[in-house]
Amino acid sequence: MDDLKFLSVKDIMKLLNCSKHEASKLRNEIADEYRITPKRVTSVHLKKYLKL
């Protein structure tokens, strides 16, 4: 996956095999952590947040 691509809730659902509610909540938590809007979350943010 391209690291600079913005992640949608569907993208997060597919990557982590989770529900829409969990993916949305995770995206909002990442946005709060990095002080960005949820639509600006990338796979780099996701990897850092999950410590992968």
PDB file of N, CA and C in Angstrom:
ATOM      1  N   MET A   1       0.842  -1.189   0.000  1.00  0.00           N
ATOM      2  CA  MET A   1       0.000   0.000   0.000  1.00  0.00           C
ATOM      3  C   MET A   1       0.881   1.244   0.000  1.00  0.00           C
ATOM      4  N   ASP A   2       0.455   2.237  -0.726  1.00  0.00           N
ATOM      5  CA  ASP A   2       1.182   3.498  -0.790  1.00  0.00           C
ATOM      6  C   ASP A   2       1.092   4.202   0.561  1.00  0.00           C
ATOM      7  N   ASP A   3       2.238   4.577   1.128  1.00  0.00           N
ATOM      8  CA  ASP A   3       2.277   5.168   2.462  1.00  0.00           C
ATOM      9  C   ASP A   3       1.608   6.532   2.554  1.00  0.00           C
ATOM     10  N   LEU A   4       1.544   7.261   1.448  1.00  0.00           N
ATOM     11  CA  LEU A   4       0.983   8.607   1.488  1.00  0.00           C
ATOM     12  C   LEU A   4      -0.494   8.660   1.126  1.00  0.00           C
ATOM     13  N   LYS A   5      -1.112   7.527   0.914  1.00  0.00           N
ATOM     14  CA  LYS A   5      -2.532   7.475   0.574  1.00  0.00           C
ATOM     15  C   LYS A   5      -3.366   7.700   1.841  1.00  0.00           C
ATOM     16  N   PHE A   6      -4.368   8.554   1.722  1.00  0.00           N
ATOM     17  CA  PHE A   6      -5.279   8.757   2.840  1.00  0.00           C
ATOM     18  C   PHE A   6      -6.141   7.511   3.004  1.00  0.00           C
ATOM     19  N   LEU A   7      -6.353   7.100   4.249  1.00  0.00           N
ATOM     20  CA  LEU A   7      -7.110   5.883   4.522  1.00  0.00           C
ATOM     21  C   LEU A   7      -8.567   6.201   4.830  1.00  0.00           C
ATOM     22  N   SER A   8      -9.443   5.514   4.153  1.00  0.00           N
ATOM     23  CA  SER A   8     -10.864   5.626   4.459  1.00  0.00           C
ATOM     24  C   SER A   8     -11.190   4.603   5.545  1.00  0.00           C
ATOM     25  N   VAL A   9     -12.386   4.690   6.072  1.00  0.00           N
ATOM     26  CA  VAL A   9     -12.829   3.717   7.066  1.00  0.00           C
ATOM     27  C   VAL A   9     -12.833   2.320   6.442  1.00  0.00           C
ATOM     28  N   LYS A  10     -13.247   2.223   5.182  1.00  0.00           N
ATOM     29  CA  LYS A  10     -13.252   0.927   4.492  1.00  0.00           C
ATOM     30  C   LYS A  10     -11.849   0.355   4.367  1.00  0.00           C
ATOM     31  N   ASP A  11     -10.867   1.206   4.075  1.00  0.00           N
ATOM     32  CA  ASP A  11      -9.478   0.750   3.977  1.00  0.00           C
ATOM     33  C   ASP A  11      -9.003   0.162   5.308  1.00  0.00           C
ATOM     34  N   ILE A  12      -9.300   0.855   6.388  1.00  0.00           N
ATOM     35  CA  ILE A  12      -8.901   0.383   7.719  1.00  0.00           C
ATOM     36  C   ILE A  12      -9.624  -0.917   8.052  1.00  0.00           C
ATOM     37  N   MET A  13     -10.901  -1.005   7.685  1.00  0.00           N
ATOM     38  CA  MET A  13     -11.660  -2.237   7.916  1.00  0.00           C
ATOM     39  C   MET A  13     -10.996  -3.421   7.221  1.00  0.00           C
ATOM     40  N   LYS A  14     -10.577  -3.223   5.980  1.00  0.00           N
ATOM     41  CA  LYS A  14      -9.943  -4.301   5.214  1.00  0.00           C
ATOM     42  C   LYS A  14      -8.574  -4.663   5.782  1.00  0.00           C
ATOM     43  N   LEU A  15      -7.782  -3.659   6.143  1.00  0.00           N
ATOM     44  CA  LEU A  15      -6.437  -3.910   6.663  1.00  0.00           C
ATOM     45  C   LEU A  15      -6.451  -4.649   7.999  1.00  0.00           C
ATOM     46  N   LEU A  16      -7.364  -4.260   8.877  1.00  0.00           N
ATOM     47  CA  LEU A  16      -7.381  -4.813  10.230  1.00  0.00           C
ATOM     48  C   LEU A  16      -8.476  -5.847  10.458  1.00  0.00           C
ATOM     49  N   ASN A  17      -9.298  -6.078   9.438  1.00  0.00           N
ATOM     50  CA  ASN A  17     -10.395  -7.040   9.537  1.00  0.00           C
ATOM     51  C   ASN A  17     -11.267  -6.741  10.768  1.00  0.00           C
ATOM     52  N   CYS A  18     -11.776  -5.515  10.819  1.00  0.00           N
ATOM     53  CA  CYS A  18     -12.598  -5.097  11.943  1.00  0.00           C
ATOM     54  C   CYS A  18     -13.903  -4.483  11.440  1.00  0.00           C
ATOM     55  N   SER A  19     -14.774  -4.154  12.376  1.00  0.00           N
ATOM     56  CA  SER A  19     -16.073  -3.587  12.010  1.00  0.00           C
ATOM     57  C   SER A  19     -15.937  -2.111  11.639  1.00  0.00           C
ATOM     58  N   LYS A  20     -16.995  -1.590  11.040  1.00  0.00           N
ATOM     59  CA  LYS A  20     -17.010  -0.182  10.628  1.00  0.00           C
ATOM     60  C   LYS A  20     -16.888   0.734  11.847  1.00  0.00           C
ATOM     61  N   HIS A  21     -17.574   0.382  12.922  1.00  0.00           N
ATOM     62  CA  HIS A  21     -17.531   1.181  14.145  1.00  0.00           C
ATOM     63  C   HIS A  21     -16.110   1.227  14.716  1.00  0.00           C
ATOM     64  N   GLU A  22     -15.450   0.075  14.783  1.00  0.00           N
ATOM     65  CA  GLU A  22     -14.086   0.019  15.317  1.00  0.00           C
ATOM     66  C   GLU A  22     -13.110   0.800  14.437  1.00  0.00           C
ATOM     67  N   ALA A  23     -13.249   0.672  13.124  1.00  0.00           N
ATOM     68  CA  ALA A  23     -12.361   1.372  12.191  1.00  0.00           C
ATOM     69  C   ALA A  23     -12.550   2.885  12.296  1.00  0.00           C
ATOM     70  N   SER A  24     -13.790   3.322  12.412  1.00  0.00           N
ATOM     71  CA  SER A  24     -14.084   4.747  12.533  1.00  0.00           C
ATOM     72  C   SER A  24     -13.523   5.297  13.843  1.00  0.00           C
ATOM     73  N   LYS A  25     -13.711   4.554  14.915  1.00  0.00           N
ATOM     74  CA  LYS A  25     -13.199   4.961  16.219  1.00  0.00           C
ATOM     75  C   LYS A  25     -11.668   5.041  16.197  1.00  0.00           C
ATOM     76  N   LEU A  26     -11.027   4.058  15.580  1.00  0.00           N
ATOM     77  CA  LEU A  26      -9.571   4.041  15.478  1.00  0.00           C
ATOM     78  C   LEU A  26      -9.061   5.229  14.664  1.00  0.00           C
ATOM     79  N   ARG A  27      -9.725   5.517  13.552  1.00  0.00           N
ATOM     80  CA  ARG A  27      -9.308   6.645  12.712  1.00  0.00           C
ATOM     81  C   ARG A  27      -9.437   7.962  13.473  1.00  0.00           C
ATOM     82  N   ASN A  28     -10.497   8.111  14.258  1.00  0.00           N
ATOM     83  CA  ASN A  28     -10.667   9.326  15.063  1.00  0.00           C
ATOM     84  C   ASN A  28      -9.609   9.425  16.159  1.00  0.00           C
ATOM     85  N   GLU A  29      -9.254   8.290  16.778  1.00  0.00           N
ATOM     86  CA  GLU A  29      -8.216   8.281  17.807  1.00  0.00           C
ATOM     87  C   GLU A  29      -6.862   8.675  17.218  1.00  0.00           C
ATOM     88  N   ILE A  30      -6.556   8.153  16.038  1.00  0.00           N
ATOM     89  CA  ILE A  30      -5.297   8.493  15.367  1.00  0.00           C
ATOM     90  C   ILE A  30      -5.275   9.980  15.029  1.00  0.00           C
ATOM     91  N   ALA A  31      -6.385  10.497  14.542  1.00  0.00           N
ATOM     92  CA  ALA A  31      -6.474  11.921  14.202  1.00  0.00           C
ATOM     93  C   ALA A  31      -6.259  12.790  15.443  1.00  0.00           C
ATOM     94  N   ASP A  32      -6.837  12.393  16.566  1.00  0.00           N
ATOM     95  CA  ASP A  32      -6.634  13.134  17.813  1.00  0.00           C
ATOM     96  C   ASP A  32      -5.178  13.071  18.263  1.00  0.00           C
ATOM     97  N   GLU A  33      -4.580  11.901  18.143  1.00  0.00           N
ATOM     98  CA  GLU A  33      -3.182  11.699  18.549  1.00  0.00           C
ATOM     99  C   GLU A  33      -2.231  12.608  17.773  1.00  0.00           C
ATOM    100  N   TYR A  34      -2.438  12.706  16.468  1.00  0.00           N
ATOM    101  CA  TYR A  34      -1.544  13.488  15.619  1.00  0.00           C
ATOM    102  C   TYR A  34      -2.080  14.886  15.306  1.00  0.00           C
ATOM    103  N   ARG A  35      -3.197  15.242  15.915  1.00  0.00           N
ATOM    104  CA  ARG A  35      -3.807  16.569  15.748  1.00  0.00           C
ATOM    105  C   ARG A  35      -4.063  16.910  14.284  1.00  0.00           C
ATOM    106  N   ILE A  36      -4.711  15.986  13.594  1.00  0.00           N
ATOM    107  CA  ILE A  36      -5.092  16.176  12.194  1.00  0.00           C
ATOM    108  C   ILE A  36      -6.565  15.830  12.053  1.00  0.00           C
ATOM    109  N   THR A  37      -7.139  16.144  10.908  1.00  0.00           N
ATOM    110  CA  THR A  37      -8.529  15.756  10.673  1.00  0.00           C
ATOM    111  C   THR A  37      -8.564  14.273  10.302  1.00  0.00           C
ATOM    112  N   PRO A  38      -9.635  13.570  10.634  1.00  0.00           N
ATOM    113  CA  PRO A  38      -9.710  12.132  10.347  1.00  0.00           C
ATOM    114  C   PRO A  38      -9.507  11.779   8.878  1.00  0.00           C
ATOM    115  N   LYS A  39      -9.920  12.650   7.976  1.00  0.00           N
ATOM    116  CA  LYS A  39      -9.763  12.323   6.553  1.00  0.00           C
ATOM    117  C   LYS A  39      -8.311  12.410   6.094  1.00  0.00           C
ATOM    118  N   ARG A  40      -7.408  12.928   6.926  1.00  0.00           N
ATOM    119  CA  ARG A  40      -5.987  13.062   6.580  1.00  0.00           C
ATOM    120  C   ARG A  40      -5.123  11.917   7.125  1.00  0.00           C
ATOM    121  N   VAL A  41      -5.725  10.914   7.738  1.00  0.00           N
ATOM    122  CA  VAL A  41      -4.975   9.785   8.296  1.00  0.00           C
ATOM    123  C   VAL A  41      -4.408   8.931   7.161  1.00  0.00           C
ATOM    124  N   THR A  42      -3.102   8.647   7.236  1.00  0.00           N
ATOM    125  CA  THR A  42      -2.436   7.815   6.226  1.00  0.00           C
ATOM    126  C   THR A  42      -1.979   6.504   6.862  1.00  0.00           C
ATOM    127  N   SER A  43      -1.474   5.607   6.030  1.00  0.00           N
ATOM    128  CA  SER A  43      -0.984   4.329   6.543  1.00  0.00           C
ATOM    129  C   SER A  43       0.244   4.527   7.435  1.00  0.00           C
ATOM    130  N   VAL A  44       1.000   5.605   7.221  1.00  0.00           N
ATOM    131  CA  VAL A  44       2.139   5.908   8.095  1.00  0.00           C
ATOM    132  C   VAL A  44       1.643   6.190   9.512  1.00  0.00           C
ATOM    133  N   HIS A  45       0.594   6.996   9.631  1.00  0.00           N
ATOM    134  CA  HIS A  45       0.009   7.277  10.941  1.00  0.00           C
ATOM    135  C   HIS A  45      -0.492   5.988  11.591  1.00  0.00           C
ATOM    136  N   LEU A  46      -1.152   5.153  10.801  1.00  0.00           N
ATOM    137  CA  LEU A  46      -1.692   3.894  11.315  1.00  0.00           C
ATOM    138  C   LEU A  46      -0.578   2.998  11.843  1.00  0.00           C
ATOM    139  N   LYS A  47       0.501   2.860  11.088  1.00  0.00           N
ATOM    140  CA  LYS A  47       1.633   2.018  11.509  1.00  0.00           C
ATOM    141  C   LYS A  47       2.261   2.544  12.797  1.00  0.00           C
ATOM    142  N   LYS A  48       2.456   3.858  12.879  1.00  0.00           N
ATOM    143  CA  LYS A  48       3.052   4.440  14.083  1.00  0.00           C
ATOM    144  C   LYS A  48       2.127   4.273  15.284  1.00  0.00           C
ATOM    145  N   TYR A  49       0.835   4.471  15.074  1.00  0.00           N
ATOM    146  CA  TYR A  49      -0.134   4.364  16.167  1.00  0.00           C
ATOM    147  C   TYR A  49      -0.204   2.935  16.699  1.00  0.00           C
ATOM    148  N   LEU A  50      -0.158   1.964  15.793  1.00  0.00           N
ATOM    149  CA  LEU A  50      -0.222   0.553  16.191  1.00  0.00           C
ATOM    150  C   LEU A  50       1.157  -0.021  16.512  1.00  0.00           C
ATOM    151  N   LYS A  51       2.190   0.804  16.339  1.00  0.00           N
ATOM    152  CA  LYS A  51       3.583   0.415  16.594  1.00  0.00           C
ATOM    153  C   LYS A  51       3.987  -0.816  15.792  1.00  0.00           C
ATOM    154  N   LEU A  52       3.733  -0.757  14.481  1.00  0.00           N
ATOM    155  CA  LEU A  52       4.114  -1.851  13.582  1.00  0.00           C
ATOM    156  C   LEU A  52       5.430  -1.549  12.900  1.00  0.00           C
TER     157      LEU A  52
END
